[in-house]
Amino acid sequence: MPPSAETAAGHLADPGPAISFDAVVSGARLRFEEAPRTRVTFPGTGARESVSRAERTNLPQRVEPGHDYQDVTVRYHLASRLTGTSEDGTVPDDGRP
């Protein structure tokens, strides 16, 4: 994604993403038996602007297997929209009449 598509706050620069998802997960105690392998992808065709970010409280970016993490909160944000024509030449519907 080009840097101009995302603001410093981690949101798409222009209003109106086609999809936006926010979640908050928290727990009193969290333990990983092995380090998780995570990945965020935006499959499909067509040019798009996408952003995904997670804010963690009491949970490092790289967790240590077997360690107990206390009072954990993760806030996750994802937004995406098509910005041009797809490979079949169609233009995304922006919902306007």
N, C-alpha and C. Protein backbone atom coordinates (compact mmCIF):
# COMPACT_ATOMS: atom_id res chain seq x y z
N MET A 1 0.85 -1.17 0.00
CA MET A 1 0.00 0.00 0.00
C MET A 1 0.89 1.23 0.00
N PRO A 2 0.59 2.22 -0.84
CA PRO A 2 1.40 3.43 -0.84
C PRO A 2 1.24 4.18 0.47
N PRO A 3 2.32 4.83 0.94
CA PRO A 3 2.25 5.52 2.23
C PRO A 3 1.16 6.56 2.31
N SER A 4 0.80 7.20 1.20
CA SER A 4 -0.22 8.25 1.23
C SER A 4 -1.61 7.71 1.50
N ALA A 5 -1.81 6.40 1.37
CA ALA A 5 -3.14 5.83 1.57
C ALA A 5 -3.51 5.69 3.03
N GLU A 6 -2.53 5.76 3.92
CA GLU A 6 -2.79 5.57 5.34
C GLU A 6 -2.36 6.80 6.12
N THR A 7 -3.19 7.22 7.07
CA THR A 7 -2.82 8.35 7.92
C THR A 7 -1.95 7.87 9.05
N ALA A 8 -1.39 8.78 9.81
CA ALA A 8 -0.54 8.43 10.94
C ALA A 8 -1.31 7.64 11.99
N ALA A 9 -2.62 7.83 12.08
CA ALA A 9 -3.43 7.14 13.07
C ALA A 9 -3.75 5.71 12.65
N GLY A 10 -3.34 5.30 11.44
CA GLY A 10 -3.60 3.94 10.99
C GLY A 10 -4.95 3.75 10.36
N HIS A 11 -5.53 4.79 9.82
CA HIS A 11 -6.81 4.70 9.13
C HIS A 11 -6.60 5.06 7.67
N LEU A 12 -7.50 4.60 6.79
CA LEU A 12 -7.41 4.96 5.39
C LEU A 12 -7.57 6.47 5.25
N ALA A 13 -6.81 7.06 4.31
CA ALA A 13 -6.79 8.51 4.16
C ALA A 13 -8.15 9.07 3.74
N ASP A 14 -8.84 8.42 2.82
CA ASP A 14 -10.14 8.89 2.37
C ASP A 14 -11.24 8.18 3.15
N PRO A 15 -12.38 8.85 3.38
CA PRO A 15 -13.46 8.20 4.12
C PRO A 15 -14.11 7.09 3.31
N GLY A 16 -14.77 6.18 3.99
CA GLY A 16 -15.61 5.21 3.33
C GLY A 16 -14.97 3.91 2.89
N PRO A 17 -14.29 3.18 3.78
CA PRO A 17 -13.79 1.88 3.35
C PRO A 17 -14.95 0.95 3.04
N ALA A 18 -14.73 0.02 2.13
CA ALA A 18 -15.76 -0.95 1.78
C ALA A 18 -16.01 -1.91 2.94
N ILE A 19 -14.96 -2.18 3.71
CA ILE A 19 -15.09 -3.04 4.87
C ILE A 19 -14.25 -2.46 5.99
N SER A 20 -14.80 -2.46 7.18
CA SER A 20 -14.07 -2.00 8.35
C SER A 20 -14.44 -2.92 9.51
N PHE A 21 -13.44 -3.36 10.24
CA PHE A 21 -13.65 -4.31 11.32
C PHE A 21 -12.82 -3.88 12.52
N ASP A 22 -13.45 -3.79 13.68
CA ASP A 22 -12.75 -3.47 14.92
C ASP A 22 -13.14 -4.51 15.97
N ALA A 23 -12.15 -4.94 16.74
CA ALA A 23 -12.41 -5.92 17.80
C ALA A 23 -11.54 -5.60 19.00
N VAL A 24 -12.05 -5.92 20.18
CA VAL A 24 -11.29 -5.79 21.41
C VAL A 24 -11.40 -7.12 22.15
N VAL A 25 -10.25 -7.67 22.51
CA VAL A 25 -10.19 -8.92 23.24
C VAL A 25 -9.36 -8.69 24.49
N SER A 26 -9.84 -9.17 25.63
CA SER A 26 -9.06 -9.01 26.86
C SER A 26 -9.18 -10.26 27.72
N GLY A 27 -8.19 -10.42 28.58
CA GLY A 27 -8.18 -11.58 29.46
C GLY A 27 -7.35 -11.30 30.70
N ALA A 28 -7.70 -11.98 31.78
CA ALA A 28 -6.98 -11.83 33.03
C ALA A 28 -5.60 -12.49 32.95
N ARG A 29 -5.51 -13.63 32.23
CA ARG A 29 -4.25 -14.34 32.10
C ARG A 29 -4.19 -15.00 30.74
N LEU A 30 -3.04 -14.91 30.09
CA LEU A 30 -2.85 -15.51 28.77
C LEU A 30 -1.48 -16.18 28.74
N ARG A 31 -1.44 -17.41 28.23
CA ARG A 31 -0.19 -18.15 28.12
C ARG A 31 -0.16 -18.82 26.74
N PHE A 32 0.98 -18.73 26.08
CA PHE A 32 1.20 -19.39 24.80
C PHE A 32 2.14 -20.57 25.04
N GLU A 33 1.74 -21.75 24.62
CA GLU A 33 2.61 -22.92 24.75
C GLU A 33 3.71 -22.88 23.69
N GLU A 34 3.41 -22.26 22.56
CA GLU A 34 4.42 -22.03 21.52
C GLU A 34 4.14 -20.68 20.89
N ALA A 35 5.15 -20.09 20.30
CA ALA A 35 4.99 -18.76 19.69
C ALA A 35 4.01 -18.84 18.52
N PRO A 36 3.01 -17.97 18.50
CA PRO A 36 2.03 -17.99 17.40
C PRO A 36 2.65 -17.48 16.10
N ARG A 37 2.14 -17.97 14.99
CA ARG A 37 2.53 -17.48 13.67
C ARG A 37 1.29 -16.80 13.09
N THR A 38 1.34 -15.51 12.94
CA THR A 38 0.19 -14.76 12.44
C THR A 38 0.53 -14.09 11.13
N ARG A 39 -0.50 -13.82 10.33
CA ARG A 39 -0.33 -13.16 9.04
C ARG A 39 -1.65 -12.53 8.65
N VAL A 40 -1.59 -11.34 8.09
CA VAL A 40 -2.77 -10.67 7.57
C VAL A 40 -2.58 -10.52 6.07
N THR A 41 -3.52 -11.00 5.28
CA THR A 41 -3.45 -10.85 3.83
C THR A 41 -4.79 -10.33 3.33
N PHE A 42 -4.75 -9.71 2.17
CA PHE A 42 -5.94 -9.20 1.51
C PHE A 42 -5.99 -9.83 0.12
N PRO A 43 -6.47 -11.08 0.02
CA PRO A 43 -6.46 -11.77 -1.27
C PRO A 43 -7.51 -11.20 -2.22
N GLY A 44 -7.37 -11.54 -3.47
CA GLY A 44 -8.32 -11.11 -4.48
C GLY A 44 -7.63 -10.31 -5.56
N THR A 45 -8.43 -9.76 -6.44
CA THR A 45 -7.88 -9.00 -7.55
C THR A 45 -8.31 -7.55 -7.45
N GLY A 46 -7.60 -6.70 -8.16
CA GLY A 46 -7.94 -5.29 -8.19
C GLY A 46 -7.09 -4.49 -7.23
N ALA A 47 -6.85 -3.24 -7.59
CA ALA A 47 -6.07 -2.35 -6.73
C ALA A 47 -6.88 -2.01 -5.49
N ARG A 48 -6.20 -1.95 -4.36
CA ARG A 48 -6.92 -1.65 -3.12
C ARG A 48 -6.03 -0.90 -2.15
N GLU A 49 -6.68 -0.23 -1.22
CA GLU A 49 -6.01 0.39 -0.08
C GLU A 49 -6.47 -0.40 1.14
N SER A 50 -5.53 -0.84 1.94
CA SER A 50 -5.87 -1.64 3.11
C SER A 50 -4.98 -1.24 4.27
N VAL A 51 -5.51 -1.37 5.46
CA VAL A 51 -4.75 -1.11 6.67
C VAL A 51 -5.18 -2.10 7.74
N SER A 52 -4.21 -2.56 8.52
CA SER A 52 -4.50 -3.44 9.64
C SER A 52 -3.52 -3.08 10.75
N ARG A 53 -4.02 -2.98 11.97
CA ARG A 53 -3.13 -2.66 13.09
C ARG A 53 -3.70 -3.25 14.37
N ALA A 54 -2.80 -3.53 15.30
CA ALA A 54 -3.19 -4.05 16.61
C ALA A 54 -2.48 -3.24 17.68
N GLU A 55 -3.23 -2.85 18.68
CA GLU A 55 -2.68 -2.17 19.85
C GLU A 55 -2.75 -3.16 21.01
N ARG A 56 -1.62 -3.39 21.67
CA ARG A 56 -1.56 -4.38 22.74
C ARG A 56 -1.26 -3.72 24.08
N THR A 57 -1.91 -4.21 25.12
CA THR A 57 -1.63 -3.79 26.48
C THR A 57 -1.16 -5.02 27.25
N ASN A 58 0.01 -4.93 27.85
CA ASN A 58 0.60 -6.02 28.63
C ASN A 58 0.88 -7.27 27.81
N LEU A 59 1.11 -7.10 26.51
CA LEU A 59 1.43 -8.21 25.62
C LEU A 59 2.44 -7.72 24.59
N PRO A 60 3.67 -8.24 24.61
CA PRO A 60 4.68 -7.77 23.66
C PRO A 60 4.40 -8.24 22.24
N GLN A 61 5.05 -7.64 21.26
CA GLN A 61 4.89 -8.05 19.87
C GLN A 61 5.34 -9.50 19.67
N ARG A 62 6.41 -9.88 20.32
CA ARG A 62 6.88 -11.28 20.28
C ARG A 62 6.69 -11.87 21.67
N VAL A 63 5.76 -12.82 21.77
CA VAL A 63 5.49 -13.42 23.06
C VAL A 63 6.50 -14.52 23.35
N GLU A 64 6.67 -14.80 24.63
CA GLU A 64 7.59 -15.83 25.09
C GLU A 64 6.78 -17.08 25.45
N PRO A 65 7.01 -18.20 24.78
CA PRO A 65 6.27 -19.43 25.12
C PRO A 65 6.45 -19.80 26.59
N GLY A 66 5.36 -20.21 27.23
CA GLY A 66 5.40 -20.63 28.62
C GLY A 66 5.30 -19.49 29.63
N HIS A 67 5.30 -18.25 29.16
CA HIS A 67 5.21 -17.09 30.06
C HIS A 67 3.74 -16.71 30.25
N ASP A 68 3.37 -16.37 31.48
CA ASP A 68 2.01 -15.89 31.76
C ASP A 68 1.97 -14.38 31.60
N TYR A 69 1.01 -13.89 30.81
CA TYR A 69 0.79 -12.46 30.63
C TYR A 69 -0.50 -12.11 31.37
N GLN A 70 -0.46 -11.07 32.20
CA GLN A 70 -1.59 -10.70 33.05
C GLN A 70 -2.30 -9.46 32.51
N ASP A 71 -3.62 -9.40 32.68
CA ASP A 71 -4.44 -8.24 32.31
C ASP A 71 -4.14 -7.77 30.89
N VAL A 72 -4.33 -8.67 29.94
CA VAL A 72 -4.00 -8.44 28.53
C VAL A 72 -5.20 -7.87 27.79
N THR A 73 -4.94 -6.89 26.92
CA THR A 73 -5.96 -6.36 26.01
C THR A 73 -5.34 -6.17 24.64
N VAL A 74 -6.06 -6.58 23.61
CA VAL A 74 -5.64 -6.36 22.22
C VAL A 74 -6.80 -5.69 21.50
N ARG A 75 -6.51 -4.53 20.90
CA ARG A 75 -7.48 -3.81 20.07
C ARG A 75 -7.01 -3.95 18.63
N TYR A 76 -7.89 -4.47 17.76
CA TYR A 76 -7.52 -4.74 16.38
C TYR A 76 -8.40 -3.94 15.43
N HIS A 77 -7.79 -3.38 14.39
CA HIS A 77 -8.52 -2.60 13.38
C HIS A 77 -8.10 -3.07 12.00
N LEU A 78 -9.08 -3.27 11.11
CA LEU A 78 -8.84 -3.64 9.73
C LEU A 78 -9.79 -2.84 8.86
N ALA A 79 -9.30 -2.28 7.76
CA ALA A 79 -10.15 -1.58 6.79
C ALA A 79 -9.57 -1.81 5.41
N SER A 80 -10.46 -1.93 4.41
CA SER A 80 -10.00 -2.16 3.04
C SER A 80 -11.07 -1.68 2.06
N ARG A 81 -10.60 -1.27 0.88
CA ARG A 81 -11.53 -0.92 -0.20
C ARG A 81 -10.80 -1.03 -1.52
N LEU A 82 -11.56 -1.34 -2.57
CA LEU A 82 -11.01 -1.35 -3.93
C LEU A 82 -10.86 0.09 -4.39
N THR A 83 -9.80 0.37 -5.13
CA THR A 83 -9.54 1.74 -5.56
C THR A 83 -9.54 1.92 -7.07
N GLY A 84 -9.58 0.86 -7.82
CA GLY A 84 -9.53 0.98 -9.28
C GLY A 84 -10.30 -0.16 -9.91
N THR A 85 -10.03 -0.41 -11.14
CA THR A 85 -10.71 -1.49 -11.84
C THR A 85 -10.09 -2.82 -11.48
N SER A 86 -10.90 -3.86 -11.53
CA SER A 86 -10.40 -5.20 -11.26
C SER A 86 -9.81 -5.77 -12.54
N GLU A 87 -9.26 -6.98 -12.47
CA GLU A 87 -8.67 -7.60 -13.64
C GLU A 87 -9.67 -7.83 -14.75
N ASP A 88 -10.98 -7.97 -14.40
CA ASP A 88 -11.98 -8.17 -15.45
C ASP A 88 -12.49 -6.85 -16.02
N GLY A 89 -11.93 -5.71 -15.56
CA GLY A 89 -12.27 -4.41 -16.12
C GLY A 89 -13.43 -3.72 -15.46
N THR A 90 -14.04 -4.33 -14.43
CA THR A 90 -15.17 -3.69 -13.78
C THR A 90 -14.67 -2.72 -12.71
N VAL A 91 -15.48 -1.72 -12.43
CA VAL A 91 -15.17 -0.74 -11.40
C VAL A 91 -15.96 -1.12 -10.16
N PRO A 92 -15.35 -1.05 -8.97
CA PRO A 92 -16.08 -1.41 -7.76
C PRO A 92 -17.27 -0.51 -7.53
N ASP A 93 -18.35 -1.07 -7.00
CA ASP A 93 -19.55 -0.33 -6.67
C ASP A 93 -19.32 0.40 -5.36
N ASP A 94 -19.40 1.73 -5.38
CA ASP A 94 -19.16 2.49 -4.14
C ASP A 94 -20.45 2.73 -3.36
N GLY A 95 -21.57 2.16 -3.80
CA GLY A 95 -22.82 2.27 -3.08
C GLY A 95 -23.61 3.53 -3.41
N ARG A 96 -23.07 4.38 -4.26
CA ARG A 96 -23.80 5.62 -4.63
C ARG A 96 -24.78 5.34 -5.74
N PRO A 97 -25.93 6.03 -5.75
CA PRO A 97 -26.93 5.83 -6.81
C PRO A 97 -26.44 6.32 -8.16
